[in-house]
Amino acid sequence: MRPETSFVLSTSGTRSCICFQITSMAHSLSETCSVTANIANGGDDHKDLIVVAAKHGYALADRNTGQLSYIRKVWDEQEDPEKARRMRFNDGAVDSHGRFWAGSMNDPKVQKPTNEGVLFRLDPDLQLHRMVEGVSIPNGIGWNLRDDTMYFTDSPTAKIFAFDFDASTGTISNRRVHYDVGEPMEPDGFAIDEEGCIWSAIYGGGKIIRISPEGKLIGEISFPTRNITCPTFVGTELFVTTAKDDVNDEQFPESVRYGGRVYRIDVGVRGKPKNEFRFQK
């Protein structure tokens, strides 16, 4: 069994989620990587590797060196160099059958986000599927305890959506609103606990909210800074990332002072175990 540790990824120019293992090592990656997954059945060949959603698609990252090698590119730099330049991945998660879901968006270093993004699904045989079109800023992705509902956040809509999910095929249907945060605040990354509740970061709202499986608000944690980006569970503790607040110091002095930090809170409940990517044998 792997120890209960987490991974933290830090990117510039946008909100970034946490999913990188906290150790004494730190690596500067050659390009933006925004979400990671452990490998369940990699054997000795993959023991030091994790799968990441990077700038151009899915890649393997070496835990010891930070070196990247692509296993499936979504945008080919030769076939469509402009799209390869302006797009990147953001958040993602692995389902119960080892399929890696990750959402793409316009790279904020190149242009403001539009609805050009796509939620992709990478299967164990490395086949790629476009599951949701018209995405702006993809964030929290996860599944309920019965594994028959998938949750997905598109931040600018201020909504967390739910889909019927067929675990055996990986198909989704019946899109609906699970929870509406209400503008101008935006739901960002989320984590799901062992009771099936969603803990969603509220960007611009300075809080984490807890949402029941029925879609009701049942809890809230406030922070001294506004831009909360993503929580992840380590035991009964939530590790929570925040983004720097670049507003005028006089307007939100506390938010500016305390933004861009990682916070830790004991919430008394454990997280739902994370799934791992499975290579087809």
C-alpha atoms as a PDB file:
ATOM      1  CA  MET A   1       0.000   0.000   0.000  1.00  0.00           C
ATOM      2  CA  ARG A   2       1.282   3.462  -0.834  1.00  0.00           C
ATOM      3  CA  PRO A   3       1.675   5.894   2.079  1.00  0.00           C
ATOM      4  CA  GLU A   4      -0.965   8.579   2.480  1.00  0.00           C
ATOM      5  CA  THR A   5       0.853  11.396   0.765  1.00  0.00           C
ATOM      6  CA  SER A   6      -0.132  13.956  -1.808  1.00  0.00           C
ATOM      7  CA  PHE A   7       1.351  15.634  -4.837  1.00  0.00           C
ATOM      8  CA  VAL A   8       1.454  19.400  -5.320  1.00  0.00           C
ATOM      9  CA  LEU A   9       1.781  21.033  -8.724  1.00  0.00           C
ATOM     10  CA  SER A  10       2.429  24.744  -9.031  1.00  0.00           C
ATOM     11  CA  THR A  11       1.832  26.552 -12.314  1.00  0.00           C
ATOM     12  CA  SER A  12       1.868  30.195 -13.286  1.00  0.00           C
ATOM     13  CA  GLY A  13      -0.767  32.121 -15.181  1.00  0.00           C
ATOM     14  CA  THR A  14      -3.791  30.182 -13.974  1.00  0.00           C
ATOM     15  CA  ARG A  15      -5.292  28.292 -11.094  1.00  0.00           C
ATOM     16  CA  SER A  16      -3.737  24.918 -10.584  1.00  0.00           C
ATOM     17  CA  CYS A  17      -4.881  21.871  -8.704  1.00  0.00           C
ATOM     18  CA  ILE A  18      -2.962  19.705  -6.255  1.00  0.00           C
ATOM     19  CA  CYS A  19      -2.189  16.100  -6.965  1.00  0.00           C
ATOM     20  CA  PHE A  20       1.624  15.785  -6.654  1.00  0.00           C
ATOM     21  CA  GLN A  21       3.417  13.848  -3.898  1.00  0.00           C
ATOM     22  CA  ILE A  22       4.814  15.969  -1.069  1.00  0.00           C
ATOM     23  CA  THR A  23       8.398  14.833  -0.563  1.00  0.00           C
ATOM     24  CA  SER A  24      11.760  16.438   0.007  1.00  0.00           C
ATOM     25  CA  MET A  25      12.294  16.590  -3.770  1.00  0.00           C
ATOM     26  CA  ALA A  26      11.201  19.326  -6.151  1.00  0.00           C
ATOM     27  CA  HIS A  27      11.579  19.421  -9.931  1.00  0.00           C
ATOM     28  CA  SER A  28      11.168  22.130 -12.532  1.00  0.00           C
ATOM     29  CA  LEU A  29       9.274  20.552 -15.413  1.00  0.00           C
ATOM     30  CA  SER A  30       9.945  21.470 -19.020  1.00  0.00           C
ATOM     31  CA  GLU A  31       6.300  22.424 -19.599  1.00  0.00           C
ATOM     32  CA  THR A  32       3.023  22.919 -17.768  1.00  0.00           C
ATOM     33  CA  CYS A  33       1.666  19.797 -16.050  1.00  0.00           C
ATOM     34  CA  SER A  34      -1.566  20.206 -14.148  1.00  0.00           C
ATOM     35  CA  VAL A  35      -2.772  16.829 -12.850  1.00  0.00           C
ATOM     36  CA  THR A  36      -1.164  13.469 -12.093  1.00  0.00           C
ATOM     37  CA  ALA A  37      -2.097   9.831 -11.564  1.00  0.00           C
ATOM     38  CA  ASN A  38      -0.228   6.887 -10.094  1.00  0.00           C
ATOM     39  CA  ILE A  39       0.173   3.754 -12.227  1.00  0.00           C
ATOM     40  CA  ALA A  40      -1.490   0.632 -10.802  1.00  0.00           C
ATOM     41  CA  ASN A  41       0.123  -2.097 -12.876  1.00  0.00           C
ATOM     42  CA  GLY A  42       3.295  -0.638 -14.308  1.00  0.00           C
ATOM     43  CA  GLY A  43       5.712  -3.147 -12.779  1.00  0.00           C
ATOM     44  CA  ASP A  44       9.427  -2.438 -12.557  1.00  0.00           C
ATOM     45  CA  ASP A  45       9.403  -0.550 -15.870  1.00  0.00           C
ATOM     46  CA  HIS A  46       7.122   2.133 -14.415  1.00  0.00           C
ATOM     47  CA  LYS A  47       7.910   2.049 -10.681  1.00  0.00           C
ATOM     48  CA  ASP A  48       9.398   5.569 -10.710  1.00  0.00           C
ATOM     49  CA  LEU A  49       6.848   7.012 -13.138  1.00  0.00           C
ATOM     50  CA  ILE A  50       3.480   8.724 -12.883  1.00  0.00           C
ATOM     51  CA  VAL A  51       1.062   9.757 -15.626  1.00  0.00           C
ATOM     52  CA  VAL A  52       0.486  13.492 -16.056  1.00  0.00           C
ATOM     53  CA  ALA A  53      -1.779  15.649 -18.188  1.00  0.00           C
ATOM     54  CA  ALA A  54       0.673  18.114 -19.689  1.00  0.00           C
ATOM     55  CA  LYS A  55       0.691  20.871 -22.300  1.00  0.00           C
ATOM     56  CA  HIS A  56       0.008  18.710 -25.373  1.00  0.00           C
ATOM     57  CA  GLY A  57      -1.547  15.553 -23.922  1.00  0.00           C
ATOM     58  CA  TYR A  58      -0.755  12.653 -21.607  1.00  0.00           C
ATOM     59  CA  ALA A  59       2.827  11.933 -20.587  1.00  0.00           C
ATOM     60  CA  LEU A  60       4.919   9.879 -18.195  1.00  0.00           C
ATOM     61  CA  ALA A  61       6.885  11.864 -15.614  1.00  0.00           C
ATOM     62  CA  ASP A  62       9.877  10.475 -13.761  1.00  0.00           C
ATOM     63  CA  ARG A  63       9.493  11.044 -10.001  1.00  0.00           C
ATOM     64  CA  ASN A  64      13.271  11.258  -9.569  1.00  0.00           C
ATOM     65  CA  THR A  65      14.211  13.572 -12.429  1.00  0.00           C
ATOM     66  CA  GLY A  66      11.015  15.303 -13.553  1.00  0.00           C
ATOM     67  CA  GLN A  67      11.684  14.200 -17.151  1.00  0.00           C
ATOM     68  CA  LEU A  68       8.578  13.952 -19.368  1.00  0.00           C
ATOM     69  CA  SER A  69       7.834  11.546 -22.229  1.00  0.00           C
ATOM     70  CA  TYR A  70       4.492  11.662 -24.069  1.00  0.00           C
ATOM     71  CA  ILE A  71       2.375   8.526 -24.389  1.00  0.00           C
ATOM     72  CA  ARG A  72      -0.549  10.193 -26.209  1.00  0.00           C
ATOM     73  CA  LYS A  73      -0.560  13.691 -27.694  1.00  0.00           C
ATOM     74  CA  VAL A  74      -3.896  15.398 -28.223  1.00  0.00           C
ATOM     75  CA  TRP A  75      -2.621  18.209 -30.435  1.00  0.00           C
ATOM     76  CA  ASP A  76       0.123  17.441 -32.916  1.00  0.00           C
ATOM     77  CA  GLU A  77       2.504  20.387 -33.229  1.00  0.00           C
ATOM     78  CA  GLN A  78       3.130  19.626 -36.897  1.00  0.00           C
ATOM     79  CA  GLU A  79      -0.499  19.069 -37.930  1.00  0.00           C
ATOM     80  CA  ASP A  80      -1.982  21.996 -35.963  1.00  0.00           C
ATOM     81  CA  PRO A  81       0.807  24.152 -34.492  1.00  0.00           C
ATOM     82  CA  GLU A  82      -1.524  27.022 -33.570  1.00  0.00           C
ATOM     83  CA  LYS A  83      -3.872  24.831 -31.540  1.00  0.00           C
ATOM     84  CA  ALA A  84      -0.925  23.101 -29.901  1.00  0.00           C
ATOM     85  CA  ARG A  85       0.341  26.524 -28.848  1.00  0.00           C
ATOM     86  CA  ARG A  86      -2.902  27.922 -27.442  1.00  0.00           C
ATOM     87  CA  MET A  87      -4.258  24.847 -25.605  1.00  0.00           C
ATOM     88  CA  ARG A  88      -3.201  23.007 -22.432  1.00  0.00           C
ATOM     89  CA  PHE A  89      -4.658  20.597 -19.883  1.00  0.00           C
ATOM     90  CA  ASN A  90      -5.992  21.603 -16.478  1.00  0.00           C
ATOM     91  CA  ASP A  91      -7.680  19.202 -14.034  1.00  0.00           C
ATOM     92  CA  GLY A  92      -8.480  15.486 -14.214  1.00  0.00           C
ATOM     93  CA  ALA A  93      -9.013  12.182 -12.400  1.00  0.00           C
ATOM     94  CA  VAL A  94      -8.923   8.420 -12.946  1.00  0.00           C
ATOM     95  CA  ASP A  95     -12.098   6.314 -12.841  1.00  0.00           C
ATOM     96  CA  SER A  96     -12.611   2.882 -11.261  1.00  0.00           C
ATOM     97  CA  HIS A  97     -11.521   1.069 -14.441  1.00  0.00           C
ATOM     98  CA  GLY A  98      -8.218   2.939 -14.710  1.00  0.00           C
ATOM     99  CA  ARG A  99      -9.274   5.439 -17.394  1.00  0.00           C
ATOM    100  CA  PHE A 100      -7.685   8.900 -17.093  1.00  0.00           C
ATOM    101  CA  TRP A 101     -10.132  11.779 -17.603  1.00  0.00           C
ATOM    102  CA  ALA A 102      -8.602  15.230 -18.140  1.00  0.00           C
ATOM    103  CA  GLY A 103      -9.988  18.542 -19.327  1.00  0.00           C
ATOM    104  CA  SER A 104      -8.291  20.921 -21.748  1.00  0.00           C
ATOM    105  CA  MET A 105      -8.578  24.703 -21.974  1.00  0.00           C
ATOM    106  CA  ASN A 106      -7.005  27.712 -23.635  1.00  0.00           C
ATOM    107  CA  ASP A 107      -3.566  28.371 -22.174  1.00  0.00           C
ATOM    108  CA  PRO A 108      -3.848  31.612 -20.152  1.00  0.00           C
ATOM    109  CA  LYS A 109      -0.277  32.444 -21.163  1.00  0.00           C
ATOM    110  CA  VAL A 110      -1.520  32.689 -24.759  1.00  0.00           C
ATOM    111  CA  GLN A 111      -5.123  33.925 -24.565  1.00  0.00           C
ATOM    112  CA  LYS A 112      -8.142  34.244 -22.306  1.00  0.00           C
ATOM    113  CA  PRO A 113     -10.187  31.038 -21.910  1.00  0.00           C
ATOM    114  CA  THR A 114     -13.031  30.433 -24.365  1.00  0.00           C
ATOM    115  CA  ASN A 115     -15.294  27.381 -24.662  1.00  0.00           C
ATOM    116  CA  GLU A 116     -12.782  25.596 -26.918  1.00  0.00           C
ATOM    117  CA  GLY A 117     -11.837  23.083 -24.234  1.00  0.00           C
ATOM    118  CA  VAL A 118     -12.690  19.377 -24.215  1.00  0.00           C
ATOM    119  CA  LEU A 119     -12.993  16.749 -21.481  1.00  0.00           C
ATOM    120  CA  PHE A 120     -10.952  13.783 -22.751  1.00  0.00           C
ATOM    121  CA  ARG A 121     -10.808  10.172 -21.594  1.00  0.00           C
ATOM    122  CA  LEU A 122      -7.634   8.134 -22.063  1.00  0.00           C
ATOM    123  CA  ASP A 123      -8.240   4.384 -21.856  1.00  0.00           C
ATOM    124  CA  PRO A 124      -5.707   1.766 -20.669  1.00  0.00           C
ATOM    125  CA  ASP A 125      -5.042   0.851 -24.329  1.00  0.00           C
ATOM    126  CA  LEU A 126      -4.192   4.557 -24.932  1.00  0.00           C
ATOM    127  CA  GLN A 127      -7.264   5.125 -27.078  1.00  0.00           C
ATOM    128  CA  LEU A 128      -8.485   8.713 -26.697  1.00  0.00           C
ATOM    129  CA  HIS A 129     -12.140   9.792 -26.484  1.00  0.00           C
ATOM    130  CA  ARG A 130     -13.720  13.268 -26.531  1.00  0.00           C
ATOM    131  CA  MET A 131     -16.387  13.095 -23.814  1.00  0.00           C
ATOM    132  CA  VAL A 132     -17.573  16.695 -23.282  1.00  0.00           C
ATOM    133  CA  GLU A 133     -17.177  19.552 -25.765  1.00  0.00           C
ATOM    134  CA  GLY A 134     -17.466  23.306 -25.243  1.00  0.00           C
ATOM    135  CA  VAL A 135     -15.538  23.447 -21.971  1.00  0.00           C
ATOM    136  CA  SER A 136     -14.026  26.713 -20.690  1.00  0.00           C
ATOM    137  CA  ILE A 137     -12.012  25.992 -17.517  1.00  0.00           C
ATOM    138  CA  PRO A 138     -12.304  22.293 -16.570  1.00  0.00           C
ATOM    139  CA  ASN A 139     -11.820  21.553 -12.899  1.00  0.00           C
ATOM    140  CA  GLY A 140     -12.977  19.041 -10.268  1.00  0.00           C
ATOM    141  CA  ILE A 141     -13.774  15.585 -11.671  1.00  0.00           C
ATOM    142  CA  GLY A 142     -14.881  12.622  -9.546  1.00  0.00           C
ATOM    143  CA  TRP A 143     -17.393   9.824  -8.959  1.00  0.00           C
ATOM    144  CA  ASN A 144     -19.943   9.005  -6.276  1.00  0.00           C
ATOM    145  CA  LEU A 145     -19.643   6.016  -3.942  1.00  0.00           C
ATOM    146  CA  ARG A 146     -21.974   3.837  -6.062  1.00  0.00           C
ATOM    147  CA  ASP A 147     -19.842   4.631  -9.109  1.00  0.00           C
ATOM    148  CA  ASP A 148     -22.906   5.452 -11.200  1.00  0.00           C
ATOM    149  CA  THR A 149     -22.565   9.250 -11.205  1.00  0.00           C
ATOM    150  CA  MET A 150     -19.687  11.417 -12.440  1.00  0.00           C
ATOM    151  CA  TYR A 151     -19.214  14.997 -11.258  1.00  0.00           C
ATOM    152  CA  PHE A 152     -17.508  17.641 -13.392  1.00  0.00           C
ATOM    153  CA  THR A 153     -16.816  21.341 -12.852  1.00  0.00           C
ATOM    154  CA  ASP A 154     -16.602  23.963 -15.597  1.00  0.00           C
ATOM    155  CA  SER A 155     -15.589  26.917 -13.440  1.00  0.00           C
ATOM    156  CA  PRO A 156     -16.946  29.957 -15.369  1.00  0.00           C
ATOM    157  CA  THR A 157     -20.452  28.463 -15.320  1.00  0.00           C
ATOM    158  CA  ALA A 158     -20.338  28.564 -11.475  1.00  0.00           C
ATOM    159  CA  LYS A 159     -21.756  25.018 -11.532  1.00  0.00           C
ATOM    160  CA  ILE A 160     -20.744  21.486 -10.630  1.00  0.00           C
ATOM    161  CA  PHE A 161     -22.455  19.136 -13.086  1.00  0.00           C
ATOM    162  CA  ALA A 162     -23.496  15.513 -12.649  1.00  0.00           C
ATOM    163  CA  PHE A 163     -23.728  12.804 -15.325  1.00  0.00           C
ATOM    164  CA  ASP A 164     -25.052   9.267 -15.286  1.00  0.00           C
ATOM    165  CA  PHE A 165     -21.928   7.100 -15.497  1.00  0.00           C
ATOM    166  CA  ASP A 166     -21.577   3.555 -16.842  1.00  0.00           C
ATOM    167  CA  ALA A 167     -18.446   2.217 -15.157  1.00  0.00           C
ATOM    168  CA  SER A 168     -18.160  -0.792 -17.470  1.00  0.00           C
ATOM    169  CA  THR A 169     -18.015   1.274 -20.671  1.00  0.00           C
ATOM    170  CA  GLY A 170     -16.888   4.691 -19.410  1.00  0.00           C
ATOM    171  CA  THR A 171     -19.830   6.431 -21.075  1.00  0.00           C
ATOM    172  CA  ILE A 172     -21.697   9.396 -19.583  1.00  0.00           C
ATOM    173  CA  SER A 173     -25.194  10.786 -20.195  1.00  0.00           C
ATOM    174  CA  ASN A 174     -27.978  12.906 -18.691  1.00  0.00           C
ATOM    175  CA  ARG A 175     -25.978  16.035 -17.879  1.00  0.00           C
ATOM    176  CA  ARG A 176     -27.556  18.113 -15.098  1.00  0.00           C
ATOM    177  CA  VAL A 177     -26.616  20.675 -12.434  1.00  0.00           C
ATOM    178  CA  HIS A 178     -25.565  19.088  -9.141  1.00  0.00           C
ATOM    179  CA  TYR A 179     -24.742  22.355  -7.354  1.00  0.00           C
ATOM    180  CA  ASP A 180     -24.821  26.029  -8.410  1.00  0.00           C
ATOM    181  CA  VAL A 181     -22.330  28.208  -6.517  1.00  0.00           C
ATOM    182  CA  GLY A 182     -23.685  31.412  -8.016  1.00  0.00           C
ATOM    183  CA  GLU A 183     -21.665  34.063  -9.843  1.00  0.00           C
ATOM    184  CA  PRO A 184     -19.272  35.819  -9.479  1.00  0.00           C
ATOM    185  CA  MET A 185     -17.647  33.060  -7.406  1.00  0.00           C
ATOM    186  CA  GLU A 186     -16.400  29.962  -9.227  1.00  0.00           C
ATOM    187  CA  PRO A 187     -16.065  26.341  -8.099  1.00  0.00           C
ATOM    188  CA  ASP A 188     -12.524  25.130  -8.720  1.00  0.00           C
ATOM    189  CA  GLY A 189     -10.961  21.772  -7.865  1.00  0.00           C
ATOM    190  CA  PHE A 190     -12.664  19.355  -5.495  1.00  0.00           C
ATOM    191  CA  ALA A 191     -12.144  16.209  -3.430  1.00  0.00           C
ATOM    192  CA  ILE A 192     -14.714  13.576  -2.441  1.00  0.00           C
ATOM    193  CA  ASP A 193     -14.817  12.053   1.043  1.00  0.00           C
ATOM    194  CA  GLU A 194     -15.696   8.551   2.247  1.00  0.00           C
ATOM    195  CA  GLU A 195     -19.290   9.677   2.862  1.00  0.00           C
ATOM    196  CA  GLY A 196     -19.699  10.706  -0.781  1.00  0.00           C
ATOM    197  CA  CYS A 197     -19.618  14.454  -0.119  1.00  0.00           C
ATOM    198  CA  ILE A 198     -17.802  16.914  -2.380  1.00  0.00           C
ATOM    199  CA  TRP A 199     -15.353  19.419  -0.858  1.00  0.00           C
ATOM    200  CA  SER A 200     -15.138  22.145  -3.511  1.00  0.00           C
ATOM    201  CA  ALA A 201     -12.699  25.053  -3.569  1.00  0.00           C
ATOM    202  CA  ILE A 202     -14.445  28.365  -4.275  1.00  0.00           C
ATOM    203  CA  TYR A 203     -12.200  30.656  -6.296  1.00  0.00           C
ATOM    204  CA  GLY A 204     -12.853  34.275  -5.419  1.00  0.00           C
ATOM    205  CA  GLY A 205     -14.932  33.232  -2.417  1.00  0.00           C
ATOM    206  CA  GLY A 206     -12.239  32.428   0.131  1.00  0.00           C
ATOM    207  CA  LYS A 207     -13.734  29.122   1.170  1.00  0.00           C
ATOM    208  CA  ILE A 208     -14.146  25.383   0.751  1.00  0.00           C
ATOM    209  CA  ILE A 209     -17.738  24.161   0.736  1.00  0.00           C
ATOM    210  CA  ARG A 210     -18.986  20.651   1.503  1.00  0.00           C
ATOM    211  CA  ILE A 211     -21.819  19.416  -0.721  1.00  0.00           C
ATOM    212  CA  SER A 212     -23.903  16.345   0.120  1.00  0.00           C
ATOM    213  CA  PRO A 213     -24.592  13.536  -2.395  1.00  0.00           C
ATOM    214  CA  GLU A 214     -28.057  15.103  -2.757  1.00  0.00           C
ATOM    215  CA  GLY A 215     -26.518  18.409  -3.881  1.00  0.00           C
ATOM    216  CA  LYS A 216     -27.098  20.359  -0.657  1.00  0.00           C
ATOM    217  CA  LEU A 217     -24.619  22.693   1.067  1.00  0.00           C
ATOM    218  CA  ILE A 218     -23.795  21.128   4.449  1.00  0.00           C
ATOM    219  CA  GLY A 219     -20.504  22.743   5.499  1.00  0.00           C
ATOM    220  CA  GLU A 220     -18.041  25.539   4.863  1.00  0.00           C
ATOM    221  CA  ILE A 221     -14.429  26.394   5.770  1.00  0.00           C
ATOM    222  CA  SER A 222     -13.266  30.014   5.458  1.00  0.00           C
ATOM    223  CA  PHE A 223      -9.721  31.107   4.579  1.00  0.00           C
ATOM    224  CA  PRO A 224      -7.858  34.427   4.966  1.00  0.00           C
ATOM    225  CA  THR A 225      -7.381  34.676   1.198  1.00  0.00           C
ATOM    226  CA  ARG A 226      -9.902  34.712  -1.655  1.00  0.00           C
ATOM    227  CA  ASN A 227      -8.503  32.472  -4.380  1.00  0.00           C
ATOM    228  CA  ILE A 228      -8.920  28.883  -3.173  1.00  0.00           C
ATOM    229  CA  THR A 229      -7.918  26.446  -5.900  1.00  0.00           C
ATOM    230  CA  CYS A 230      -8.025  22.797  -4.816  1.00  0.00           C
ATOM    231  CA  PRO A 231      -8.231  20.424  -1.833  1.00  0.00           C
ATOM    232  CA  THR A 232      -6.918  16.894  -1.498  1.00  0.00           C
ATOM    233  CA  PHE A 233      -7.179  14.428   1.375  1.00  0.00           C
ATOM    234  CA  VAL A 234      -4.269  13.039   3.380  1.00  0.00           C
ATOM    235  CA  GLY A 235      -5.899  10.933   6.072  1.00  0.00           C
ATOM    236  CA  THR A 236      -8.543  13.120   7.720  1.00  0.00           C
ATOM    237  CA  GLU A 237      -6.711  16.297   6.758  1.00  0.00           C
ATOM    238  CA  LEU A 238      -7.417  18.490   3.751  1.00  0.00           C
ATOM    239  CA  PHE A 239      -4.406  20.034   2.061  1.00  0.00           C
ATOM    240  CA  VAL A 240      -5.664  23.122   0.239  1.00  0.00           C
ATOM    241  CA  THR A 241      -3.860  25.167  -2.405  1.00  0.00           C
ATOM    242  CA  THR A 242      -4.492  28.853  -3.027  1.00  0.00           C
ATOM    243  CA  ALA A 243      -3.475  31.235  -5.789  1.00  0.00           C
ATOM    244  CA  LYS A 244      -1.752  34.567  -5.303  1.00  0.00           C
ATOM    245  CA  ASP A 245      -4.172  37.488  -5.165  1.00  0.00           C
ATOM    246  CA  ASP A 246      -2.954  40.252  -7.466  1.00  0.00           C
ATOM    247  CA  VAL A 247      -5.529  42.882  -6.526  1.00  0.00           C
ATOM    248  CA  ASN A 248      -4.600  46.203  -4.946  1.00  0.00           C
ATOM    249  CA  ASP A 249      -3.151  45.662  -1.456  1.00  0.00           C
ATOM    250  CA  GLU A 250      -5.410  48.344  -0.014  1.00  0.00           C
ATOM    251  CA  GLN A 251      -8.551  46.594  -1.268  1.00  0.00           C
ATOM    252  CA  PHE A 252      -7.867  43.080   0.064  1.00  0.00           C
ATOM    253  CA  PRO A 253      -4.662  43.301   2.150  1.00  0.00           C
ATOM    254  CA  GLU A 254      -5.192  39.988   3.984  1.00  0.00           C
ATOM    255  CA  SER A 255      -5.976  38.128   0.769  1.00  0.00           C
ATOM    256  CA  VAL A 256      -2.829  39.443  -0.889  1.00  0.00           C
ATOM    257  CA  ARG A 257      -0.735  38.553   2.150  1.00  0.00           C
ATOM    258  CA  TYR A 258      -2.016  34.997   2.590  1.00  0.00           C
ATOM    259  CA  GLY A 259      -2.580  33.948  -1.033  1.00  0.00           C
ATOM    260  CA  GLY A 260      -0.348  31.480  -2.864  1.00  0.00           C
ATOM    261  CA  ARG A 261       0.044  29.203   0.154  1.00  0.00           C
ATOM    262  CA  VAL A 262      -0.866  25.603   0.982  1.00  0.00           C
ATOM    263  CA  TYR A 263      -3.156  25.157   4.008  1.00  0.00           C
ATOM    264  CA  ARG A 264      -3.911  22.065   6.101  1.00  0.00           C
ATOM    265  CA  ILE A 265      -7.156  21.437   8.001  1.00  0.00           C
ATOM    266  CA  ASP A 266      -8.324  18.348   9.899  1.00  0.00           C
ATOM    267  CA  VAL A 267     -11.954  17.799   8.867  1.00  0.00           C
ATOM    268  CA  GLY A 268     -12.554  14.519  10.715  1.00  0.00           C
ATOM    269  CA  VAL A 269     -13.395  12.419   7.669  1.00  0.00           C
ATOM    270  CA  ARG A 270     -11.186  10.556   5.205  1.00  0.00           C
ATOM    271  CA  GLY A 271     -11.132  10.992   1.482  1.00  0.00           C
ATOM    272  CA  LYS A 272     -12.508   8.502  -1.017  1.00  0.00           C
ATOM    273  CA  PRO A 273      -9.508   6.449  -2.236  1.00  0.00           C
ATOM    274  CA  LYS A 274      -8.015   7.694  -5.500  1.00  0.00           C
ATOM    275  CA  ASN A 275      -7.998   5.400  -8.512  1.00  0.00           C
ATOM    276  CA  GLU A 276      -4.833   4.673 -10.469  1.00  0.00           C
ATOM    277  CA  PHE A 277      -4.197   4.541 -14.211  1.00  0.00           C
ATOM    278  CA  ARG A 278      -3.984   1.015 -15.635  1.00  0.00           C
ATOM    279  CA  PHE A 279      -1.944   0.171 -18.715  1.00  0.00           C
ATOM    280  CA  GLN A 280      -3.498  -2.556 -20.853  1.00  0.00           C
ATOM    281  CA  LYS A 281      -1.392  -5.701 -20.636  1.00  0.00           C
END
